[in-house]
Amino acid sequence: MPPKIRDLIRDLKTAGFVDRGGKGSHRNFTHLRRAKVTLSGRLGDDAKPYQVRDVRKAIEEVKE
């Protein structure tokens, strides 16, 4: 079962990302180390595979 959008947002915030807001169902997250991620969808929606991949990649970038 894929994670929910709310789970990805929680992971991003735990890693130090800040929600800059967005338009409609889009949310833009940034980190001080210049990493950026955009997520679309409602909180209860299942995350798409590319969204999970992008979030994991962004979190790994800021850990280095």
PDB file of N, CA and C in Angstrom:
ATOM      1  N   MET A   1       0.843  -1.174   0.000  1.00  0.00           N
ATOM      2  CA  MET A   1       0.000   0.000   0.000  1.00  0.00           C
ATOM      3  C   MET A   1       0.896   1.247   0.000  1.00  0.00           C
ATOM      4  N   PRO A   2       0.693   2.153  -0.927  1.00  0.00           N
ATOM      5  CA  PRO A   2       1.545   3.352  -0.996  1.00  0.00           C
ATOM      6  C   PRO A   2       1.279   4.291   0.178  1.00  0.00           C
ATOM      7  N   PRO A   3       2.283   5.082   0.542  1.00  0.00           N
ATOM      8  CA  PRO A   3       2.070   6.052   1.622  1.00  0.00           C
ATOM      9  C   PRO A   3       1.114   7.151   1.173  1.00  0.00           C
ATOM     10  N   LYS A   4       0.569   7.840   2.126  1.00  0.00           N
ATOM     11  CA  LYS A   4      -0.317   8.969   1.846  1.00  0.00           C
ATOM     12  C   LYS A   4       0.511  10.242   1.692  1.00  0.00           C
ATOM     13  N   ILE A   5      -0.081  11.232   1.058  1.00  0.00           N
ATOM     14  CA  ILE A   5       0.582  12.526   0.895  1.00  0.00           C
ATOM     15  C   ILE A   5       0.953  13.094   2.264  1.00  0.00           C
ATOM     16  N   ARG A   6       0.071  12.924   3.253  1.00  0.00           N
ATOM     17  CA  ARG A   6       0.353  13.459   4.595  1.00  0.00           C
ATOM     18  C   ARG A   6       1.609  12.824   5.199  1.00  0.00           C
ATOM     19  N   ASP A   7       1.882  11.548   4.870  1.00  0.00           N
ATOM     20  CA  ASP A   7       3.086  10.888   5.369  1.00  0.00           C
ATOM     21  C   ASP A   7       4.342  11.496   4.752  1.00  0.00           C
ATOM     22  N   LEU A   8       4.280  11.798   3.455  1.00  0.00           N
ATOM     23  CA  LEU A   8       5.427  12.422   2.795  1.00  0.00           C
ATOM     24  C   LEU A   8       5.692  13.816   3.365  1.00  0.00           C
ATOM     25  N   ILE A   9       4.623  14.561   3.625  1.00  0.00           N
ATOM     26  CA  ILE A   9       4.768  15.903   4.200  1.00  0.00           C
ATOM     27  C   ILE A   9       5.397  15.812   5.585  1.00  0.00           C
ATOM     28  N   ARG A  10       4.958  14.840   6.379  1.00  0.00           N
ATOM     29  CA  ARG A  10       5.526  14.644   7.712  1.00  0.00           C
ATOM     30  C   ARG A  10       7.029  14.346   7.617  1.00  0.00           C
ATOM     31  N   ASP A  11       7.413  13.478   6.678  1.00  0.00           N
ATOM     32  CA  ASP A  11       8.822  13.134   6.503  1.00  0.00           C
ATOM     33  C   ASP A  11       9.647  14.359   6.097  1.00  0.00           C
ATOM     34  N   LEU A  12       9.094  15.176   5.201  1.00  0.00           N
ATOM     35  CA  LEU A  12       9.799  16.384   4.774  1.00  0.00           C
ATOM     36  C   LEU A  12       9.992  17.363   5.929  1.00  0.00           C
ATOM     37  N   LYS A  13       8.948  17.574   6.700  1.00  0.00           N
ATOM     38  CA  LYS A  13       9.044  18.513   7.823  1.00  0.00           C
ATOM     39  C   LYS A  13      10.018  18.004   8.882  1.00  0.00           C
ATOM     40  N   THR A  14      10.051  16.688   9.098  1.00  0.00           N
ATOM     41  CA  THR A  14      10.994  16.104  10.046  1.00  0.00           C
ATOM     42  C   THR A  14      12.428  16.327   9.590  1.00  0.00           C
ATOM     43  N   ALA A  15      12.643  16.307   8.273  1.00  0.00           N
ATOM     44  CA  ALA A  15      13.991  16.505   7.712  1.00  0.00           C
ATOM     45  C   ALA A  15      14.382  17.979   7.648  1.00  0.00           C
ATOM     46  N   GLY A  16      13.487  18.887   8.037  1.00  0.00           N
ATOM     47  CA  GLY A  16      13.828  20.307   8.073  1.00  0.00           C
ATOM     48  C   GLY A  16      13.312  21.122   6.907  1.00  0.00           C
ATOM     49  N   PHE A  17      12.448  20.557   6.092  1.00  0.00           N
ATOM     50  CA  PHE A  17      11.877  21.299   4.970  1.00  0.00           C
ATOM     51  C   PHE A  17      10.763  22.208   5.481  1.00  0.00           C
ATOM     52  N   VAL A  18      10.569  23.323   4.774  1.00  0.00           N
ATOM     53  CA  VAL A  18       9.549  24.307   5.139  1.00  0.00           C
ATOM     54  C   VAL A  18       8.550  24.410   3.992  1.00  0.00           C
ATOM     55  N   ASP A  19       7.272  24.438   4.338  1.00  0.00           N
ATOM     56  CA  ASP A  19       6.210  24.565   3.342  1.00  0.00           C
ATOM     57  C   ASP A  19       6.077  26.031   2.941  1.00  0.00           C
ATOM     58  N   ARG A  20       6.365  26.346   1.674  1.00  0.00           N
ATOM     59  CA  ARG A  20       6.253  27.717   1.177  1.00  0.00           C
ATOM     60  C   ARG A  20       4.848  28.013   0.679  1.00  0.00           C
ATOM     61  N   GLY A  21       3.965  27.051   0.735  1.00  0.00           N
ATOM     62  CA  GLY A  21       2.630  27.233   0.207  1.00  0.00           C
ATOM     63  C   GLY A  21       2.576  26.796  -1.239  1.00  0.00           C
ATOM     64  N   GLY A  22       1.489  27.093  -1.890  1.00  0.00           N
ATOM     65  CA  GLY A  22       1.336  26.706  -3.280  1.00  0.00           C
ATOM     66  C   GLY A  22      -0.024  27.118  -3.776  1.00  0.00           C
ATOM     67  N   LYS A  23      -0.351  26.701  -4.962  1.00  0.00           N
ATOM     68  CA  LYS A  23      -1.609  27.065  -5.575  1.00  0.00           C
ATOM     69  C   LYS A  23      -2.453  25.805  -5.748  1.00  0.00           C
ATOM     70  N   GLY A  24      -3.667  25.855  -5.277  1.00  0.00           N
ATOM     71  CA  GLY A  24      -4.534  24.683  -5.382  1.00  0.00           C
ATOM     72  C   GLY A  24      -4.052  23.578  -4.463  1.00  0.00           C
ATOM     73  N   SER A  25      -3.902  22.381  -5.008  1.00  0.00           N
ATOM     74  CA  SER A  25      -3.485  21.245  -4.200  1.00  0.00           C
ATOM     75  C   SER A  25      -1.969  21.071  -4.191  1.00  0.00           C
ATOM     76  N   HIS A  26      -1.227  22.027  -4.731  1.00  0.00           N
ATOM     77  CA  HIS A  26       0.228  21.927  -4.786  1.00  0.00           C
ATOM     78  C   HIS A  26       0.861  22.566  -3.549  1.00  0.00           C
ATOM     79  N   ARG A  27       1.897  21.902  -3.055  1.00  0.00           N
ATOM     80  CA  ARG A  27       2.654  22.423  -1.917  1.00  0.00           C
ATOM     81  C   ARG A  27       4.126  22.419  -2.291  1.00  0.00           C
ATOM     82  N   ASN A  28       4.802  23.528  -2.040  1.00  0.00           N
ATOM     83  CA  ASN A  28       6.226  23.660  -2.355  1.00  0.00           C
ATOM     84  C   ASN A  28       7.018  23.635  -1.061  1.00  0.00           C
ATOM     85  N   PHE A  29       7.964  22.725  -0.982  1.00  0.00           N
ATOM     86  CA  PHE A  29       8.809  22.601   0.197  1.00  0.00           C
ATOM     87  C   PHE A  29      10.245  22.951  -0.176  1.00  0.00           C
ATOM     88  N   THR A  30      10.895  23.720   0.686  1.00  0.00           N
ATOM     89  CA  THR A  30      12.292  24.074   0.462  1.00  0.00           C
ATOM     90  C   THR A  30      13.094  23.772   1.721  1.00  0.00           C
ATOM     91  N   HIS A  31      14.389  23.657   1.535  1.00  0.00           N
ATOM     92  CA  HIS A  31      15.313  23.409   2.639  1.00  0.00           C
ATOM     93  C   HIS A  31      16.439  24.427   2.531  1.00  0.00           C
ATOM     94  N   LEU A  32      17.090  24.711   3.631  1.00  0.00           N
ATOM     95  CA  LEU A  32      18.186  25.688   3.629  1.00  0.00           C
ATOM     96  C   LEU A  32      19.316  25.277   2.698  1.00  0.00           C
ATOM     97  N   ARG A  33      19.479  24.008   2.442  1.00  0.00           N
ATOM     98  CA  ARG A  33      20.541  23.526   1.551  1.00  0.00           C
ATOM     99  C   ARG A  33      20.098  23.538   0.090  1.00  0.00           C
ATOM    100  N   ARG A  34      19.104  24.324  -0.234  1.00  0.00           N
ATOM    101  CA  ARG A  34      18.638  24.557  -1.602  1.00  0.00           C
ATOM    102  C   ARG A  34      17.867  23.406  -2.243  1.00  0.00           C
ATOM    103  N   ALA A  35      17.500  22.408  -1.471  1.00  0.00           N
ATOM    104  CA  ALA A  35      16.682  21.326  -2.023  1.00  0.00           C
ATOM    105  C   ALA A  35      15.232  21.804  -2.122  1.00  0.00           C
ATOM    106  N   LYS A  36      14.548  21.415  -3.197  1.00  0.00           N
ATOM    107  CA  LYS A  36      13.159  21.803  -3.404  1.00  0.00           C
ATOM    108  C   LYS A  36      12.349  20.584  -3.826  1.00  0.00           C
ATOM    109  N   VAL A  37      11.100  20.516  -3.349  1.00  0.00           N
ATOM    110  CA  VAL A  37      10.182  19.445  -3.728  1.00  0.00           C
ATOM    111  C   VAL A  37       8.793  20.049  -3.841  1.00  0.00           C
ATOM    112  N   THR A  38       8.049  19.653  -4.864  1.00  0.00           N
ATOM    113  CA  THR A  38       6.661  20.053  -5.013  1.00  0.00           C
ATOM    114  C   THR A  38       5.796  18.809  -4.944  1.00  0.00           C
ATOM    115  N   LEU A  39       4.788  18.833  -4.073  1.00  0.00           N
ATOM    116  CA  LEU A  39       3.843  17.733  -3.957  1.00  0.00           C
ATOM    117  C   LEU A  39       2.462  18.221  -4.350  1.00  0.00           C
ATOM    118  N   SER A  40       1.737  17.390  -5.058  1.00  0.00           N
ATOM    119  CA  SER A  40       0.372  17.727  -5.406  1.00  0.00           C
ATOM    120  C   SER A  40      -0.549  16.634  -4.898  1.00  0.00           C
ATOM    121  N   GLY A  41      -1.763  17.014  -4.582  1.00  0.00           N
ATOM    122  CA  GLY A  41      -2.752  16.059  -4.109  1.00  0.00           C
ATOM    123  C   GLY A  41      -3.260  16.433  -2.734  1.00  0.00           C
ATOM    124  N   ARG A  42      -4.381  15.846  -2.389  1.00  0.00           N
ATOM    125  CA  ARG A  42      -4.958  16.075  -1.066  1.00  0.00           C
ATOM    126  C   ARG A  42      -4.231  15.215  -0.039  1.00  0.00           C
ATOM    127  N   LEU A  43      -4.332  15.585   1.227  1.00  0.00           N
ATOM    128  CA  LEU A  43      -3.605  14.900   2.289  1.00  0.00           C
ATOM    129  C   LEU A  43      -3.897  13.405   2.348  1.00  0.00           C
ATOM    130  N   GLY A  44      -5.119  12.996   2.089  1.00  0.00           N
ATOM    131  CA  GLY A  44      -5.501  11.595   2.189  1.00  0.00           C
ATOM    132  C   GLY A  44      -5.274  10.782   0.929  1.00  0.00           C
ATOM    133  N   ASP A  45      -4.794  11.412  -0.135  1.00  0.00           N
ATOM    134  CA  ASP A  45      -4.546  10.693  -1.395  1.00  0.00           C
ATOM    135  C   ASP A  45      -3.317   9.810  -1.271  1.00  0.00           C
ATOM    136  N   ASP A  46      -3.325   8.707  -2.017  1.00  0.00           N
ATOM    137  CA  ASP A  46      -2.133   7.874  -2.106  1.00  0.00           C
ATOM    138  C   ASP A  46      -1.071   8.617  -2.905  1.00  0.00           C
ATOM    139  N   ALA A  47       0.164   8.510  -2.441  1.00  0.00           N
ATOM    140  CA  ALA A  47       1.271   9.158  -3.144  1.00  0.00           C
ATOM    141  C   ALA A  47       1.635   8.349  -4.384  1.00  0.00           C
ATOM    142  N   LYS A  48       1.968   9.040  -5.437  1.00  0.00           N
ATOM    143  CA  LYS A  48       2.418   8.395  -6.671  1.00  0.00           C
ATOM    144  C   LYS A  48       3.874   7.949  -6.483  1.00  0.00           C
ATOM    145  N   PRO A  49       4.293   6.919  -7.221  1.00  0.00           N
ATOM    146  CA  PRO A  49       5.680   6.441  -7.083  1.00  0.00           C
ATOM    147  C   PRO A  49       6.720   7.537  -7.321  1.00  0.00           C
ATOM    148  N   TYR A  50       6.480   8.427  -8.283  1.00  0.00           N
ATOM    149  CA  TYR A  50       7.458   9.489  -8.540  1.00  0.00           C
ATOM    150  C   TYR A  50       7.529  10.473  -7.377  1.00  0.00           C
ATOM    151  N   GLN A  51       6.410  10.678  -6.663  1.00  0.00           N
ATOM    152  CA  GLN A  51       6.421  11.579  -5.520  1.00  0.00           C
ATOM    153  C   GLN A  51       7.248  10.984  -4.380  1.00  0.00           C
ATOM    154  N   VAL A  52       7.067   9.693  -4.140  1.00  0.00           N
ATOM    155  CA  VAL A  52       7.838   9.021  -3.095  1.00  0.00           C
ATOM    156  C   VAL A  52       9.326   9.087  -3.433  1.00  0.00           C
ATOM    157  N   ARG A  53       9.664   8.828  -4.696  1.00  0.00           N
ATOM    158  CA  ARG A  53      11.057   8.866  -5.139  1.00  0.00           C
ATOM    159  C   ARG A  53      11.647  10.267  -4.965  1.00  0.00           C
ATOM    160  N   ASP A  54      10.909  11.292  -5.362  1.00  0.00           N
ATOM    161  CA  ASP A  54      11.402  12.668  -5.259  1.00  0.00           C
ATOM    162  C   ASP A  54      11.626  13.093  -3.805  1.00  0.00           C
ATOM    163  N   VAL A  55      10.709  12.700  -2.926  1.00  0.00           N
ATOM    164  CA  VAL A  55      10.842  13.059  -1.511  1.00  0.00           C
ATOM    165  C   VAL A  55      12.052  12.363  -0.909  1.00  0.00           C
ATOM    166  N   ARG A  56      12.217  11.071  -1.180  1.00  0.00           N
ATOM    167  CA  ARG A  56      13.362  10.340  -0.633  1.00  0.00           C
ATOM    168  C   ARG A  56      14.678  10.912  -1.149  1.00  0.00           C
ATOM    169  N   LYS A  57      14.704  11.277  -2.417  1.00  0.00           N
ATOM    170  CA  LYS A  57      15.919  11.849  -3.013  1.00  0.00           C
ATOM    171  C   LYS A  57      16.253  13.192  -2.358  1.00  0.00           C
ATOM    172  N   ALA A  58      15.244  14.039  -2.159  1.00  0.00           N
ATOM    173  CA  ALA A  58      15.465  15.357  -1.546  1.00  0.00           C
ATOM    174  C   ALA A  58      15.952  15.213  -0.115  1.00  0.00           C
ATOM    175  N   ILE A  59      15.405  14.272   0.630  1.00  0.00           N
ATOM    176  CA  ILE A  59      15.830  14.069   2.014  1.00  0.00           C
ATOM    177  C   ILE A  59      17.266  13.578   2.049  1.00  0.00           C
ATOM    178  N   GLU A  60      17.633  12.691   1.153  1.00  0.00           N
ATOM    179  CA  GLU A  60      19.013  12.205   1.092  1.00  0.00           C
ATOM    180  C   GLU A  60      19.989  13.333   0.740  1.00  0.00           C
ATOM    181  N   GLU A  61      19.570  14.237  -0.134  1.00  0.00           N
ATOM    182  CA  GLU A  61      20.428  15.363  -0.524  1.00  0.00           C
ATOM    183  C   GLU A  61      20.776  16.254   0.661  1.00  0.00           C
ATOM    184  N   VAL A  62      19.832  16.480   1.536  1.00  0.00           N
ATOM    185  CA  VAL A  62      20.092  17.392   2.651  1.00  0.00           C
ATOM    186  C   VAL A  62      20.825  16.693   3.795  1.00  0.00           C
ATOM    187  N   LYS A  63      20.833  15.372   3.819  1.00  0.00           N
ATOM    188  CA  LYS A  63      21.564  14.652   4.857  1.00  0.00           C
ATOM    189  C   LYS A  63      23.065  14.660   4.618  1.00  0.00           C
ATOM    190  N   GLU A  64      23.481  14.822   3.370  1.00  0.00           N
ATOM    191  CA  GLU A  64      24.903  14.743   3.034  1.00  0.00           C
ATOM    192  C   GLU A  64      25.693  15.906   3.524  1.00  0.00           C
TER     193      GLU A  64
END
